[in-house]
Amino acid sequence: MESQPSIDPPHGIVRDVNSAQRLTMPIDATGFRTPSLSKNSKFERRQRLADMEPRMTVPLENRDAIAPLREQRRGGMSGRRRKCAGACPAEPPLVQPRRRENAKSRIECPPCQARHASESTSATMNANTKTYEPCPSHRVAFIGLGTMGFPMAGHLARAGHRVAVYNRTHAKAERWADEYGGTAAVTPRAAAQDAQVVFTCVGNDDDLRSVVLGKDGAFAGMPRDAVLCDHTTASAAVARELAHAAAQAHLHLIDAPVSGGEAGAINGMLTVMCGGEPAAFARAQPVIAAFARAVTLLGPSGSGQLAKMVNQITIAGLLQGLAEGINFGAAAGLDMKLVLQVIGKGAAQSWQMDNRGTTMIDDKFDFGFAVDWMRKDLGLCLDEARRNGAPLPVVALVDQFYADLQAMHGGRWDTSSLIRRLRRPDQPRK
């Protein structure tokens, strides 16, 4: 089973690929390895000399002139031999490719680099097509520039707001500021200084407390009557706790977890579920709209987090059902891609089927919402269910299935990887 170690979560996933035997090639006059030609073929030798002639006319001592040729032959690669960390089945490159920017320890071959560059360009183009509703410019802060927070803060800047950002890794905050023109602060308090609306998007309850409370927390820098919107998927209990602390400091808190994943954040099309005071929500809603397609107040503090739990409970059962259905059909010899096209036009249709069905069939899970994050969310659901008495038998079962995937080193696989538990090693995929 492939392993997927973490790379500065939550940015991406590194996949180990099976090692392949390296090619042994002779070195030509320019110092590059080239495929061997038959020694018995005079035509091939003459053709080789003819092909080399343009290179030989470049003086080898002229490093500036020879560099473009070297770069072209290498495909933009330099360094020692390494295998590709992309999801490609190809031979490992002869030399180590340049690292993708902001992808620590991730080494990819040129085709994978090109694919990710294309995806990045596509995402940027989609983000640039976002139409922002007219809204007065606000002084805002965004704390937590992870997979979701980085593009969300970018939309705030594109919508015309004056944005200061904070991230535990300050270099990332500086990179965001270079890209979007905002300010990179060294503490949450400094970022929130004089901000009318402050946004947080961090990992869990403890992370949230650490950036909101204390002498360097956001509350310490926010002016009186300002609003903090928390987009962390956290517990309803911490939402109520921080709402009470905000009220004591003459501030307001909206718990506002989101749904839509990384693509929704990049495209500014998130669904935001909110809990809090109606007056504070009314002030924050036009600003939140910069990265959302739907922003809804569902009740008092904690209601947004409870609604997100309903979202995750529903997805967990749906994904397990989809995994079982695809595995069943494949075992029966059906063309499952064709089957999904058919049943996707009926009552079985869902976002998960439309966006994950084909990748489940193809056994591709190096993207999307990670198993580790889903287990964290389902833990919140189960904790809340113990408090309110609601039985969650399917969620408890699927949570254990995700634990199995973690034991298979699949903590960074997409949540649709549930199907890997069901497949026999010899089972064909269709």
Protein backbone atom coordinates (compact mmCIF):
# COMPACT_ATOMS: atom_id res chain seq x y z
CA MET A 1 0.00 0.00 0.00
CA GLU A 2 1.28 3.42 -0.87
CA SER A 3 2.13 5.75 1.96
CA GLN A 4 1.25 9.42 2.08
CA PRO A 5 3.38 11.45 4.49
CA SER A 6 2.28 14.99 5.38
CA ILE A 7 3.79 18.10 3.79
CA ASP A 8 3.07 21.20 5.84
CA PRO A 9 -0.67 20.38 6.23
CA PRO A 10 -3.08 21.33 5.00
CA HIS A 11 -1.45 22.24 1.69
CA GLY A 12 -1.22 18.97 -0.09
CA ILE A 13 -0.28 15.36 -0.19
CA VAL A 14 2.93 13.57 -1.06
CA ARG A 15 2.57 10.18 -2.69
CA ASP A 16 5.35 7.61 -2.78
CA VAL A 17 5.55 5.76 -6.07
CA ASN A 18 7.07 2.38 -6.64
CA SER A 19 10.70 2.55 -7.56
CA ALA A 20 11.58 1.73 -11.13
CA GLN A 21 14.93 0.68 -12.53
CA ARG A 22 16.95 3.65 -13.74
CA LEU A 23 18.12 3.80 -17.27
CA THR A 24 21.82 3.58 -18.01
CA MET A 25 22.79 5.90 -20.81
CA PRO A 26 26.08 7.15 -22.26
CA ILE A 27 27.10 10.77 -21.84
CA ASP A 28 27.30 12.82 -25.02
CA ALA A 29 29.61 15.75 -25.80
CA THR A 30 27.47 18.25 -23.93
CA GLY A 31 27.51 16.24 -20.72
CA PHE A 32 23.97 14.85 -20.97
CA ARG A 33 22.79 11.28 -20.97
CA THR A 34 21.28 10.15 -24.24
CA PRO A 35 19.78 6.82 -25.36
CA SER A 36 22.25 4.32 -26.78
CA LEU A 37 22.22 3.61 -30.49
CA SER A 38 23.07 0.38 -32.18
CA LYS A 39 26.83 0.11 -32.82
CA ASN A 40 26.12 -1.91 -35.94
CA SER A 41 24.12 0.80 -37.67
CA LYS A 42 26.25 3.28 -39.64
CA PHE A 43 23.11 5.23 -40.47
CA GLU A 44 22.30 5.70 -36.80
CA ARG A 45 25.84 6.86 -36.04
CA ARG A 46 25.77 9.34 -38.91
CA GLN A 47 22.35 10.56 -37.80
CA ARG A 48 23.65 10.99 -34.26
CA LEU A 49 26.57 13.10 -35.46
CA ALA A 50 24.24 15.19 -37.58
CA ASP A 51 21.94 15.75 -34.63
CA MET A 52 24.86 16.75 -32.43
CA GLU A 53 26.34 19.20 -34.90
CA PRO A 54 24.30 22.26 -33.82
CA ARG A 55 25.29 21.67 -30.23
CA MET A 56 28.96 21.26 -31.06
CA THR A 57 29.03 24.64 -32.79
CA VAL A 58 28.34 26.32 -29.43
CA PRO A 59 31.66 27.01 -27.67
CA LEU A 60 31.70 24.90 -24.53
CA GLU A 61 33.56 27.57 -22.64
CA ASN A 62 30.68 29.98 -23.23
CA ARG A 63 28.53 28.99 -20.25
CA ASP A 64 25.87 31.61 -20.94
CA ALA A 65 25.33 30.27 -24.44
CA ILE A 66 25.27 26.60 -23.47
CA ALA A 67 22.94 27.03 -20.47
CA PRO A 68 19.70 27.24 -22.50
CA LEU A 69 20.61 23.99 -24.29
CA ARG A 70 21.28 22.27 -21.01
CA GLU A 71 18.04 23.52 -19.54
CA GLN A 72 16.14 22.36 -22.61
CA ARG A 73 17.68 18.89 -22.49
CA ARG A 74 16.98 18.58 -18.78
CA GLY A 75 13.43 19.84 -19.07
CA GLY A 76 14.14 22.43 -16.38
CA MET A 77 15.62 19.88 -13.98
CA SER A 78 18.80 19.83 -11.96
CA GLY A 79 20.40 17.86 -9.15
CA ARG A 80 20.54 14.23 -8.15
CA ARG A 81 18.23 11.46 -9.28
CA ARG A 82 14.96 11.15 -7.39
CA LYS A 83 11.66 9.46 -8.03
CA CYS A 84 8.51 11.47 -8.76
CA ALA A 85 6.14 12.33 -5.90
CA GLY A 86 3.28 13.01 -8.29
CA ALA A 87 0.63 10.39 -8.96
CA CYS A 88 2.17 9.35 -12.28
CA PRO A 89 3.10 5.76 -13.15
CA ALA A 90 6.04 6.83 -15.30
CA GLU A 91 9.72 5.98 -14.84
CA PRO A 92 11.44 8.22 -12.28
CA PRO A 93 13.26 11.09 -13.95
CA LEU A 94 17.01 10.78 -14.48
CA VAL A 95 17.61 13.92 -12.47
CA GLN A 96 15.78 15.65 -9.68
CA PRO A 97 13.22 18.18 -10.97
CA ARG A 98 13.06 21.63 -9.51
CA ARG A 99 10.77 21.81 -6.50
CA ARG A 100 7.30 23.13 -6.95
CA GLU A 101 7.03 26.43 -5.14
CA ASN A 102 5.54 26.13 -1.66
CA ALA A 103 5.57 22.33 -1.73
CA LYS A 104 8.17 21.32 0.84
CA SER A 105 9.89 18.00 0.16
CA ARG A 106 7.67 17.32 -2.86
CA ILE A 107 9.63 16.33 -5.95
CA GLU A 108 7.74 15.86 -9.20
CA CYS A 109 8.62 15.00 -12.77
CA PRO A 110 7.98 17.54 -15.58
CA PRO A 111 4.60 16.03 -16.65
CA CYS A 112 3.31 16.24 -13.08
CA GLN A 113 4.68 19.76 -12.74
CA ALA A 114 2.89 20.75 -15.94
CA ARG A 115 -0.34 19.14 -14.75
CA HIS A 116 -0.27 20.98 -11.43
CA ALA A 117 0.65 24.24 -13.15
CA SER A 118 -2.38 23.78 -15.40
CA GLU A 119 -4.60 23.07 -12.40
CA SER A 120 -3.23 26.13 -10.61
CA THR A 121 -3.83 28.30 -13.65
CA SER A 122 -7.36 26.95 -13.98
CA ALA A 123 -8.05 27.64 -10.32
CA THR A 124 -6.70 31.16 -10.64
CA MET A 125 -8.84 31.78 -13.72
CA ASN A 126 -11.93 30.52 -11.89
CA ALA A 127 -11.11 32.73 -8.91
CA ASN A 128 -10.74 35.71 -11.20
CA THR A 129 -14.22 35.15 -12.66
CA LYS A 130 -15.82 35.74 -9.24
CA THR A 131 -18.21 38.69 -9.31
CA TYR A 132 -18.23 40.66 -6.06
CA GLU A 133 -21.36 42.39 -4.82
CA PRO A 134 -20.96 46.12 -4.11
CA CYS A 135 -19.81 46.56 -0.52
CA PRO A 136 -18.07 49.45 1.27
CA SER A 137 -14.39 48.78 1.87
CA HIS A 138 -13.74 47.43 5.37
CA ARG A 139 -10.58 47.08 7.40
CA VAL A 140 -10.42 43.33 8.00
CA ALA A 141 -8.03 40.69 9.34
CA PHE A 142 -7.69 37.05 8.40
CA ILE A 143 -6.00 34.63 10.82
CA GLY A 144 -5.00 31.20 9.49
CA LEU A 145 -3.79 30.86 5.88
CA GLY A 146 -4.20 27.15 5.31
CA THR A 147 -5.73 25.38 2.34
CA MET A 148 -8.98 27.26 2.84
CA GLY A 149 -7.86 30.49 4.48
CA PHE A 150 -5.29 31.54 1.89
CA PRO A 151 -7.76 31.88 -1.04
CA MET A 152 -10.57 33.14 1.21
CA ALA A 153 -8.39 36.03 2.37
CA GLY A 154 -7.44 36.61 -1.27
CA HIS A 155 -11.07 37.14 -2.21
CA LEU A 156 -11.44 39.73 0.53
CA ALA A 157 -8.52 41.67 -0.96
CA ARG A 158 -9.89 41.34 -4.51
CA ALA A 159 -13.27 42.60 -3.31
CA GLY A 160 -11.61 45.85 -2.22
CA HIS A 161 -11.19 45.33 1.52
CA ARG A 162 -8.02 46.35 3.37
CA VAL A 163 -6.67 43.06 4.67
CA ALA A 164 -4.07 42.21 7.31
CA VAL A 165 -3.19 38.54 7.72
CA TYR A 166 -1.56 36.33 10.33
CA ASN A 167 -0.26 32.78 10.03
CA ARG A 168 1.82 30.68 12.42
CA THR A 169 4.35 30.31 9.61
CA HIS A 170 5.11 33.96 9.01
CA ALA A 171 6.72 33.31 5.62
CA LYS A 172 3.33 32.22 4.34
CA ALA A 173 1.71 35.43 5.54
CA GLU A 174 4.42 37.39 3.74
CA ARG A 175 3.83 35.38 0.57
CA TRP A 176 0.12 36.15 0.79
CA ALA A 177 0.87 39.85 1.25
CA ASP A 178 3.20 39.82 -1.76
CA GLU A 179 0.51 38.20 -3.89
CA TYR A 180 -2.50 40.25 -2.79
CA GLY A 181 -1.00 43.48 -1.52
CA GLY A 182 -2.10 43.25 2.11
CA THR A 183 -0.19 43.38 5.39
CA ALA A 184 1.50 40.43 7.12
CA ALA A 185 1.25 40.75 10.92
CA VAL A 186 3.45 38.97 13.45
CA THR A 187 0.66 38.25 15.99
CA PRO A 188 -3.13 37.81 15.80
CA ARG A 189 -3.46 40.93 17.94
CA ALA A 190 -1.44 43.00 15.47
CA ALA A 191 -3.49 41.70 12.55
CA ALA A 192 -6.78 42.51 14.31
CA GLN A 193 -5.71 46.01 15.34
CA ASP A 194 -8.49 48.44 14.31
CA ALA A 195 -10.18 45.76 12.15
CA GLN A 196 -13.95 46.05 11.78
CA VAL A 197 -14.29 42.34 10.95
CA VAL A 198 -11.80 39.60 11.88
CA PHE A 199 -11.85 36.14 10.30
CA THR A 200 -10.30 32.98 11.75
CA CYS A 201 -9.82 29.63 10.02
CA VAL A 202 -7.60 27.28 12.02
CA GLY A 203 -7.41 23.60 12.95
CA ASN A 204 -9.42 22.86 16.09
CA ASP A 205 -10.78 24.20 19.39
CA ASP A 206 -7.36 24.65 21.00
CA ASP A 207 -5.92 26.37 17.92
CA LEU A 208 -8.89 28.72 17.94
CA ARG A 209 -8.45 29.65 21.59
CA SER A 210 -4.74 30.27 21.03
CA VAL A 211 -5.30 32.87 18.29
CA VAL A 212 -8.33 34.57 19.87
CA LEU A 213 -7.60 34.74 23.60
CA GLY A 214 -4.61 36.02 25.57
CA LYS A 215 -2.48 39.12 25.37
CA ASP A 216 -1.50 38.46 21.74
CA GLY A 217 -4.92 37.12 20.70
CA ALA A 218 -7.29 38.77 18.26
CA PHE A 219 -9.69 39.97 20.97
CA ALA A 220 -6.87 42.05 22.50
CA GLY A 221 -6.44 44.04 19.30
CA MET A 222 -10.03 44.40 18.07
CA PRO A 223 -11.77 47.75 18.61
CA ARG A 224 -15.00 47.94 20.58
CA ASP A 225 -18.09 46.51 18.79
CA ALA A 226 -16.03 44.70 16.12
CA VAL A 227 -17.12 41.28 14.83
CA LEU A 228 -15.07 38.06 14.76
CA CYS A 229 -16.23 35.43 12.23
CA ASP A 230 -14.81 31.99 12.92
CA HIS A 231 -14.68 29.62 9.94
CA THR A 232 -12.97 26.81 11.84
CA THR A 233 -14.88 23.54 12.02
CA ALA A 234 -14.92 23.33 15.81
CA SER A 235 -17.24 22.33 18.62
CA ALA A 236 -20.45 24.15 19.42
CA ALA A 237 -19.18 24.41 22.99
CA VAL A 238 -16.12 26.48 22.04
CA ALA A 239 -18.32 28.70 19.87
CA ARG A 240 -20.51 29.49 22.87
CA GLU A 241 -17.47 29.93 25.13
CA LEU A 242 -15.83 32.45 22.81
CA ALA A 243 -19.12 34.26 22.15
CA HIS A 244 -19.40 34.80 25.92
CA ALA A 245 -15.79 36.04 26.09
CA ALA A 246 -16.45 38.38 23.17
CA ALA A 247 -19.49 39.87 24.86
CA GLN A 248 -17.47 40.59 28.01
CA ALA A 249 -14.94 42.46 25.84
CA HIS A 250 -17.75 44.41 24.08
CA LEU A 251 -17.17 42.41 20.88
CA HIS A 252 -19.28 40.01 18.80
CA LEU A 253 -18.61 36.48 17.55
CA ILE A 254 -20.21 34.59 14.68
CA ASP A 255 -19.44 30.88 14.38
CA ALA A 256 -19.39 30.33 10.62
CA PRO A 257 -18.01 26.97 9.43
CA VAL A 258 -17.98 26.46 5.68
CA SER A 259 -18.73 23.75 3.15
CA GLY A 260 -17.43 23.51 -0.40
CA GLY A 261 -13.86 22.39 0.08
CA GLU A 262 -10.71 23.83 -1.41
CA ALA A 263 -12.34 24.36 -4.81
CA GLY A 264 -15.11 26.38 -3.19
CA ALA A 265 -12.56 28.53 -1.37
CA ILE A 266 -10.53 29.13 -4.53
CA ASN A 267 -13.60 30.01 -6.58
CA GLY A 268 -15.24 32.07 -3.84
CA MET A 269 -18.27 29.76 -3.82
CA LEU A 270 -18.44 28.49 -0.24
CA THR A 271 -21.59 27.80 1.73
CA VAL A 272 -21.37 29.44 5.15
CA MET A 273 -23.48 28.26 8.12
CA CYS A 274 -23.68 30.90 10.84
CA GLY A 275 -24.64 31.19 14.48
CA GLY A 276 -24.77 34.40 16.51
CA GLU A 277 -26.56 37.69 17.00
CA PRO A 278 -28.65 38.93 14.05
CA ALA A 279 -27.24 42.47 14.25
CA ALA A 280 -23.63 41.29 14.18
CA PHE A 281 -24.43 38.86 11.36
CA ALA A 282 -26.02 41.64 9.30
CA ARG A 283 -22.81 43.66 9.55
CA ALA A 284 -20.53 40.76 8.64
CA GLN A 285 -22.61 39.13 5.91
CA PRO A 286 -21.74 41.54 3.05
CA VAL A 287 -18.04 41.06 3.80
CA ILE A 288 -18.30 37.25 4.02
CA ALA A 289 -20.02 37.29 0.62
CA ALA A 290 -16.64 37.98 -1.02
CA PHE A 291 -15.80 34.26 -0.79
CA ALA A 292 -19.28 32.71 -0.50
CA ARG A 293 -22.31 31.92 -2.61
CA ALA A 294 -24.62 31.42 0.38
CA VAL A 295 -24.36 32.91 3.89
CA THR A 296 -27.16 31.96 6.27
CA LEU A 297 -27.84 32.71 9.95
CA LEU A 298 -29.26 29.55 11.52
CA GLY A 299 -29.69 30.60 15.13
CA PRO A 300 -27.76 31.68 18.24
CA SER A 301 -24.10 30.97 18.96
CA GLY A 302 -23.17 27.36 18.21
CA SER A 303 -25.84 26.91 15.52
CA GLY A 304 -23.34 27.21 12.68
CA GLN A 305 -21.14 24.49 14.15
CA LEU A 306 -24.14 22.22 14.74
CA ALA A 307 -25.24 22.68 11.13
CA LYS A 308 -21.75 21.74 9.92
CA MET A 309 -22.01 18.57 11.98
CA VAL A 310 -25.24 17.70 10.17
CA ASN A 311 -23.34 18.26 6.91
CA GLN A 312 -20.55 15.87 7.90
CA ILE A 313 -22.94 13.23 9.27
CA THR A 314 -24.76 13.19 5.94
CA ILE A 315 -21.57 13.00 3.87
CA ALA A 316 -20.13 10.15 5.93
CA GLY A 317 -23.07 7.83 5.31
CA LEU A 318 -23.35 8.86 1.68
CA LEU A 319 -19.69 8.12 0.93
CA GLN A 320 -19.86 4.70 2.53
CA GLY A 321 -22.96 3.86 0.49
CA LEU A 322 -21.29 5.08 -2.70
CA ALA A 323 -18.17 3.04 -1.93
CA GLU A 324 -20.21 -0.12 -1.35
CA GLY A 325 -22.27 0.43 -4.50
CA ILE A 326 -19.22 0.95 -6.75
CA ASN A 327 -17.40 -2.01 -5.25
CA PHE A 328 -20.49 -4.24 -5.61
CA GLY A 329 -20.98 -3.28 -9.26
CA ALA A 330 -17.31 -3.82 -10.10
CA ALA A 331 -17.34 -7.25 -8.44
CA ALA A 332 -20.41 -8.12 -10.54
CA GLY A 333 -18.54 -7.20 -13.72
CA LEU A 334 -20.41 -3.99 -14.55
CA ASP A 335 -18.90 -0.99 -16.34
CA MET A 336 -19.19 1.26 -13.30
CA LYS A 337 -18.43 4.52 -15.09
CA LEU A 338 -21.37 3.84 -17.39
CA VAL A 339 -23.51 2.79 -14.43
CA LEU A 340 -22.77 6.06 -12.61
CA GLN A 341 -23.73 8.03 -15.71
CA VAL A 342 -27.09 6.27 -15.70
CA ILE A 343 -27.96 6.33 -11.99
CA GLY A 344 -26.58 9.86 -11.71
CA LYS A 345 -29.65 10.99 -13.64
CA GLY A 346 -31.97 9.46 -11.05
CA ALA A 347 -32.64 9.49 -7.32
CA ALA A 348 -29.12 8.30 -6.45
CA GLN A 349 -27.50 11.48 -7.80
CA SER A 350 -25.35 13.49 -5.37
CA TRP A 351 -22.41 15.89 -5.36
CA GLN A 352 -20.21 13.07 -4.12
CA MET A 353 -21.26 10.80 -6.99
CA ASP A 354 -20.73 13.55 -9.56
CA ASN A 355 -17.35 14.65 -8.22
CA ARG A 356 -15.89 11.54 -6.59
CA GLY A 357 -17.47 8.56 -8.32
CA THR A 358 -15.04 8.36 -11.24
CA THR A 359 -11.97 8.92 -9.07
CA MET A 360 -13.15 6.18 -6.71
CA ILE A 361 -13.36 3.80 -9.66
CA ASP A 362 -9.87 4.88 -10.78
CA ASP A 363 -8.49 4.55 -7.23
CA LYS A 364 -7.30 8.18 -7.10
CA PHE A 365 -7.36 9.86 -3.71
CA ASP A 366 -4.40 12.28 -3.63
CA PHE A 367 -6.62 15.38 -3.35
CA GLY A 368 -9.69 16.72 -1.59
CA PHE A 369 -10.73 16.56 2.06
CA ALA A 370 -8.33 14.39 4.06
CA VAL A 371 -9.34 11.38 6.14
CA ASP A 372 -7.55 12.91 9.16
CA TRP A 373 -9.75 16.00 8.97
CA MET A 374 -12.91 13.95 8.54
CA ARG A 375 -12.12 11.92 11.65
CA LYS A 376 -11.67 15.15 13.59
CA ASP A 377 -15.08 16.36 12.38
CA LEU A 378 -16.83 13.06 13.08
CA GLY A 379 -15.33 13.11 16.58
CA LEU A 380 -17.05 16.46 17.13
CA CYS A 381 -20.33 14.95 15.89
CA LEU A 382 -20.07 11.95 18.22
CA ASP A 383 -19.18 14.16 21.20
CA GLU A 384 -22.19 16.38 20.57
CA ALA A 385 -24.44 13.34 20.10
CA ARG A 386 -23.42 12.07 23.53
CA ARG A 387 -24.50 15.43 24.94
CA ASN A 388 -27.85 15.69 23.18
CA GLY A 389 -28.73 12.00 23.16
CA ALA A 390 -29.07 11.57 19.39
CA PRO A 391 -27.97 8.09 18.21
CA LEU A 392 -25.40 8.06 15.38
CA PRO A 393 -24.84 4.36 14.61
CA VAL A 394 -23.75 4.85 10.99
CA VAL A 395 -21.40 7.70 11.85
CA ALA A 396 -19.78 5.62 14.60
CA LEU A 397 -19.25 2.79 12.13
CA VAL A 398 -17.85 4.99 9.34
CA ASP A 399 -15.58 6.71 11.85
CA GLN A 400 -14.01 3.31 12.55
CA PHE A 401 -13.70 2.67 8.82
CA TYR A 402 -11.72 5.90 8.54
CA ALA A 403 -9.56 4.70 11.42
CA ASP A 404 -8.82 1.62 9.30
CA LEU A 405 -7.67 3.89 6.47
CA GLN A 406 -5.38 5.76 8.85
CA ALA A 407 -3.88 2.40 9.83
CA MET A 408 -3.29 1.84 6.10
CA HIS A 409 -1.28 5.12 6.06
CA GLY A 410 -4.19 6.85 4.35
CA GLY A 411 -4.64 9.83 6.66
CA ARG A 412 -4.07 12.24 3.77
CA TRP A 413 -6.24 10.41 1.25
CA ASP A 414 -9.52 11.97 0.23
CA THR A 415 -12.57 10.88 2.25
CA SER A 416 -13.85 8.94 -0.78
CA SER A 417 -11.03 6.43 -0.20
CA LEU A 418 -13.44 4.36 1.92
CA ILE A 419 -13.68 2.06 -1.09
CA ARG A 420 -10.09 0.89 -0.54
CA ARG A 421 -11.22 -1.03 2.54
CA LEU A 422 -13.61 -3.06 0.40
CA ARG A 423 -11.51 -4.00 -2.61
CA ARG A 424 -9.86 -7.39 -2.97
CA PRO A 425 -6.26 -7.18 -4.23
CA ASP A 426 -7.18 -9.14 -7.36
CA GLN A 427 -10.42 -7.28 -8.03
CA PRO A 428 -10.55 -5.51 -11.43
CA ARG A 429 -11.55 -1.83 -11.59
CA LYS A 430 -14.00 -0.73 -14.25
